[in-house]
Structure formats: C-alpha cells, structure tokens
Amino acid sequence: MRRIDELTAEINESTLELQRIKDQMSRQFKEIWKLQCKKDMGHDYDNDRYESLMYNHKLLQMKRRQLITHINYLNKEFFEILV
C-alpha cells in the first residue's frame, strides 16, 4: 500500500510538471509565431530572441517527451501492483 501512495504522489507531481511545461510551450509558441510572421513579411525582428525561443522550445519538447515516458512507466508499475 505504501508503494501505491508513493507512485500516486510521483504521478501527480509529474503530471503537474507536464502541465507546466505544456503551458510554457504554448506561451513560447505564440511568441515564436509572432516573430516568424514578422520574419516572413520581411519586417525587422529580434533574430537573437527568435533563435533563443526556438532552442528553448526544442529543449522543452524533449523534456515533455521524457516526462510522458516517465509517467507511462509509473502508470504501468502502478497497475502491475494493483493486479
């Protein structure tokens, strides 16, 4: 029973972290989109900011994938204990 409680706490914590990452990615995407539109129209835009956002967005994508894999593993372990 103790292990189930530990897994539940870890799953909940990881799920909250995943939601935080998704929210952050959404905010970044909106800013990237604005800069991309300026770039495509030939207007002046902050290239350093654009590159930095793209790099950070890719890092968050990797972290998100890693977290999803971790949550799936925890869920599998949780259900194996229940059965």
N, C-alpha and C. Protein backbone atom coordinates (compact mmCIF):
# COMPACT_ATOMS: atom_id res chain seq x y z
N MET A 1 0.82 -1.19 0.00
CA MET A 1 0.00 0.00 0.00
C MET A 1 0.87 1.26 0.00
N ARG A 2 1.99 1.18 0.70
CA ARG A 2 2.88 2.33 0.76
C ARG A 2 3.43 2.69 -0.62
N ARG A 3 3.77 1.66 -1.39
CA ARG A 3 4.32 1.89 -2.73
C ARG A 3 3.27 2.54 -3.63
N ILE A 4 2.03 2.15 -3.48
CA ILE A 4 0.95 2.75 -4.27
C ILE A 4 0.85 4.24 -3.96
N ASP A 5 0.94 4.59 -2.68
CA ASP A 5 0.90 6.00 -2.29
C ASP A 5 2.08 6.78 -2.88
N GLU A 6 3.25 6.16 -2.85
CA GLU A 6 4.44 6.81 -3.42
C GLU A 6 4.27 7.03 -4.92
N LEU A 7 3.77 5.99 -5.61
CA LEU A 7 3.57 6.10 -7.06
C LEU A 7 2.52 7.17 -7.38
N THR A 8 1.45 7.18 -6.61
CA THR A 8 0.40 8.17 -6.83
C THR A 8 0.95 9.58 -6.67
N ALA A 9 1.73 9.80 -5.64
CA ALA A 9 2.32 11.12 -5.41
C ALA A 9 3.26 11.49 -6.56
N GLU A 10 4.06 10.55 -7.01
CA GLU A 10 5.01 10.84 -8.09
C GLU A 10 4.29 11.08 -9.41
N ILE A 11 3.23 10.31 -9.67
CA ILE A 11 2.44 10.51 -10.89
C ILE A 11 1.80 11.89 -10.87
N ASN A 12 1.23 12.26 -9.73
CA ASN A 12 0.60 13.58 -9.62
C ASN A 12 1.61 14.70 -9.82
N GLU A 13 2.76 14.56 -9.20
CA GLU A 13 3.82 15.57 -9.32
C GLU A 13 4.29 15.69 -10.77
N SER A 14 4.49 14.55 -11.41
CA SER A 14 4.94 14.55 -12.81
C SER A 14 3.88 15.12 -13.74
N THR A 15 2.63 14.84 -13.45
CA THR A 15 1.54 15.37 -14.27
C THR A 15 1.46 16.89 -14.15
N LEU A 16 1.65 17.40 -12.94
CA LEU A 16 1.66 18.85 -12.77
C LEU A 16 2.84 19.49 -13.50
N GLU A 17 3.98 18.85 -13.44
CA GLU A 17 5.16 19.34 -14.16
C GLU A 17 4.90 19.33 -15.67
N LEU A 18 4.26 18.28 -16.15
CA LEU A 18 3.94 18.18 -17.57
C LEU A 18 3.00 19.31 -17.99
N GLN A 19 2.02 19.61 -17.19
CA GLN A 19 1.09 20.70 -17.50
C GLN A 19 1.81 22.04 -17.50
N ARG A 20 2.74 22.23 -16.58
CA ARG A 20 3.52 23.46 -16.53
C ARG A 20 4.35 23.62 -17.81
N ILE A 21 4.94 22.52 -18.25
CA ILE A 21 5.74 22.54 -19.47
C ILE A 21 4.86 22.85 -20.68
N LYS A 22 3.70 22.23 -20.75
CA LYS A 22 2.78 22.50 -21.87
C LYS A 22 2.37 23.96 -21.91
N ASP A 23 2.08 24.53 -20.75
CA ASP A 23 1.70 25.95 -20.68
C ASP A 23 2.85 26.84 -21.14
N GLN A 24 4.05 26.51 -20.70
CA GLN A 24 5.23 27.29 -21.09
C GLN A 24 5.46 27.17 -22.60
N MET A 25 5.30 25.97 -23.14
CA MET A 25 5.47 25.76 -24.58
C MET A 25 4.44 26.56 -25.37
N SER A 26 3.23 26.62 -24.86
CA SER A 26 2.17 27.36 -25.54
C SER A 26 2.51 28.85 -25.60
N ARG A 27 2.98 29.39 -24.49
CA ARG A 27 3.37 30.81 -24.45
C ARG A 27 4.53 31.07 -25.41
N GLN A 28 5.50 30.17 -25.41
CA GLN A 28 6.65 30.32 -26.30
C GLN A 28 6.21 30.25 -27.76
N PHE A 29 5.31 29.31 -28.06
CA PHE A 29 4.87 29.14 -29.44
C PHE A 29 4.20 30.41 -29.96
N LYS A 30 3.40 31.05 -29.12
CA LYS A 30 2.74 32.29 -29.53
C LYS A 30 3.76 33.36 -29.87
N GLU A 31 4.80 33.45 -29.05
CA GLU A 31 5.83 34.45 -29.31
C GLU A 31 6.65 34.09 -30.55
N ILE A 32 6.95 32.81 -30.71
CA ILE A 32 7.67 32.35 -31.90
C ILE A 32 6.85 32.66 -33.15
N TRP A 33 5.55 32.41 -33.06
CA TRP A 33 4.66 32.63 -34.21
C TRP A 33 4.69 34.11 -34.62
N LYS A 34 4.63 35.01 -33.65
CA LYS A 34 4.65 36.44 -33.95
C LYS A 34 5.96 36.82 -34.64
N LEU A 35 7.07 36.32 -34.09
CA LEU A 35 8.38 36.63 -34.69
C LEU A 35 8.50 36.01 -36.08
N GLN A 36 7.97 34.81 -36.25
CA GLN A 36 8.03 34.12 -37.55
C GLN A 36 7.23 34.90 -38.59
N CYS A 37 6.07 35.43 -38.19
CA CYS A 37 5.27 36.24 -39.11
C CYS A 37 6.02 37.49 -39.54
N LYS A 38 6.66 38.16 -38.59
CA LYS A 38 7.47 39.34 -38.93
C LYS A 38 8.59 38.97 -39.89
N LYS A 39 9.24 37.84 -39.61
CA LYS A 39 10.34 37.37 -40.45
C LYS A 39 9.84 37.09 -41.87
N ASP A 40 8.72 36.38 -41.98
CA ASP A 40 8.17 36.02 -43.28
C ASP A 40 7.72 37.23 -44.09
N MET A 41 7.28 38.29 -43.41
CA MET A 41 6.82 39.50 -44.09
C MET A 41 7.98 40.43 -44.43
N GLY A 42 9.16 40.09 -43.97
CA GLY A 42 10.33 40.90 -44.26
C GLY A 42 10.50 42.08 -43.32
N HIS A 43 9.74 42.09 -42.23
CA HIS A 43 9.86 43.16 -41.24
C HIS A 43 11.04 42.89 -40.32
N ASP A 44 11.45 43.94 -39.61
CA ASP A 44 12.51 43.77 -38.62
C ASP A 44 12.00 42.93 -37.46
N TYR A 45 12.84 42.02 -37.00
CA TYR A 45 12.51 41.20 -35.84
C TYR A 45 13.79 40.89 -35.09
N ASP A 46 13.66 40.50 -33.85
CA ASP A 46 14.81 40.21 -32.99
C ASP A 46 15.26 38.77 -33.26
N ASN A 47 16.25 38.62 -34.12
CA ASN A 47 16.72 37.30 -34.51
C ASN A 47 17.29 36.52 -33.33
N ASP A 48 18.01 37.20 -32.44
CA ASP A 48 18.58 36.52 -31.28
C ASP A 48 17.47 35.96 -30.39
N ARG A 49 16.43 36.75 -30.19
CA ARG A 49 15.28 36.30 -29.39
C ARG A 49 14.60 35.11 -30.06
N TYR A 50 14.44 35.20 -31.37
CA TYR A 50 13.81 34.11 -32.14
C TYR A 50 14.60 32.81 -31.99
N GLU A 51 15.90 32.89 -32.19
CA GLU A 51 16.76 31.70 -32.09
C GLU A 51 16.74 31.13 -30.67
N SER A 52 16.76 32.01 -29.69
CA SER A 52 16.72 31.58 -28.29
C SER A 52 15.40 30.86 -27.98
N LEU A 53 14.30 31.43 -28.45
CA LEU A 53 12.99 30.80 -28.24
C LEU A 53 12.91 29.43 -28.92
N MET A 54 13.42 29.34 -30.13
CA MET A 54 13.39 28.06 -30.86
C MET A 54 14.21 27.00 -30.11
N TYR A 55 15.37 27.39 -29.63
CA TYR A 55 16.23 26.46 -28.90
C TYR A 55 15.54 25.99 -27.61
N ASN A 56 15.00 26.95 -26.86
CA ASN A 56 14.32 26.60 -25.61
C ASN A 56 13.07 25.77 -25.85
N HIS A 57 12.39 26.05 -26.93
CA HIS A 57 11.19 25.28 -27.27
C HIS A 57 11.54 23.82 -27.57
N LYS A 58 12.63 23.63 -28.28
CA LYS A 58 13.08 22.25 -28.57
C LYS A 58 13.49 21.52 -27.29
N LEU A 59 14.15 22.23 -26.38
CA LEU A 59 14.50 21.63 -25.10
C LEU A 59 13.26 21.22 -24.32
N LEU A 60 12.26 22.08 -24.32
CA LEU A 60 11.02 21.75 -23.62
C LEU A 60 10.30 20.57 -24.27
N GLN A 61 10.37 20.47 -25.59
CA GLN A 61 9.78 19.32 -26.28
C GLN A 61 10.45 18.03 -25.82
N MET A 62 11.76 18.06 -25.73
CA MET A 62 12.48 16.86 -25.28
C MET A 62 12.12 16.52 -23.84
N LYS A 63 12.06 17.54 -22.99
CA LYS A 63 11.70 17.32 -21.59
C LYS A 63 10.28 16.78 -21.48
N ARG A 64 9.38 17.30 -22.31
CA ARG A 64 7.99 16.84 -22.31
C ARG A 64 7.91 15.37 -22.70
N ARG A 65 8.62 14.99 -23.74
CA ARG A 65 8.63 13.58 -24.17
C ARG A 65 9.18 12.68 -23.07
N GLN A 66 10.25 13.13 -22.44
CA GLN A 66 10.86 12.36 -21.36
C GLN A 66 9.89 12.20 -20.19
N LEU A 67 9.19 13.24 -19.86
CA LEU A 67 8.23 13.21 -18.76
C LEU A 67 7.04 12.30 -19.09
N ILE A 68 6.58 12.33 -20.33
CA ILE A 68 5.49 11.44 -20.74
C ILE A 68 5.92 9.99 -20.62
N THR A 69 7.12 9.68 -21.04
CA THR A 69 7.65 8.32 -20.92
C THR A 69 7.72 7.91 -19.45
N HIS A 70 8.17 8.82 -18.61
CA HIS A 70 8.28 8.55 -17.18
C HIS A 70 6.90 8.29 -16.56
N ILE A 71 5.92 9.11 -16.92
CA ILE A 71 4.56 8.93 -16.41
C ILE A 71 3.98 7.59 -16.88
N ASN A 72 4.22 7.25 -18.12
CA ASN A 72 3.73 5.96 -18.63
C ASN A 72 4.35 4.80 -17.86
N TYR A 73 5.64 4.90 -17.56
CA TYR A 73 6.31 3.87 -16.78
C TYR A 73 5.70 3.77 -15.38
N LEU A 74 5.48 4.91 -14.75
CA LEU A 74 4.89 4.92 -13.41
C LEU A 74 3.48 4.32 -13.41
N ASN A 75 2.70 4.67 -14.43
CA ASN A 75 1.35 4.12 -14.53
C ASN A 75 1.39 2.60 -14.71
N LYS A 76 2.32 2.13 -15.52
CA LYS A 76 2.45 0.69 -15.74
C LYS A 76 2.80 -0.01 -14.42
N GLU A 77 3.76 0.55 -13.70
CA GLU A 77 4.15 -0.02 -12.41
C GLU A 77 2.98 0.01 -11.42
N PHE A 78 2.23 1.10 -11.43
CA PHE A 78 1.08 1.25 -10.54
C PHE A 78 0.05 0.15 -10.79
N PHE A 79 -0.28 -0.07 -12.07
CA PHE A 79 -1.29 -1.07 -12.39
C PHE A 79 -0.79 -2.51 -12.19
N GLU A 80 0.51 -2.71 -12.32
CA GLU A 80 1.06 -4.04 -12.02
C GLU A 80 0.93 -4.36 -10.54
N ILE A 81 1.07 -3.36 -9.70
CA ILE A 81 0.92 -3.58 -8.26
C ILE A 81 -0.53 -3.87 -7.93
N LEU A 82 -1.44 -3.19 -8.59
CA LEU A 82 -2.87 -3.39 -8.32
C LEU A 82 -3.34 -4.80 -8.72
N VAL A 83 -2.75 -5.32 -9.76
CA VAL A 83 -3.21 -6.63 -10.27
C VAL A 83 -2.56 -7.76 -9.55
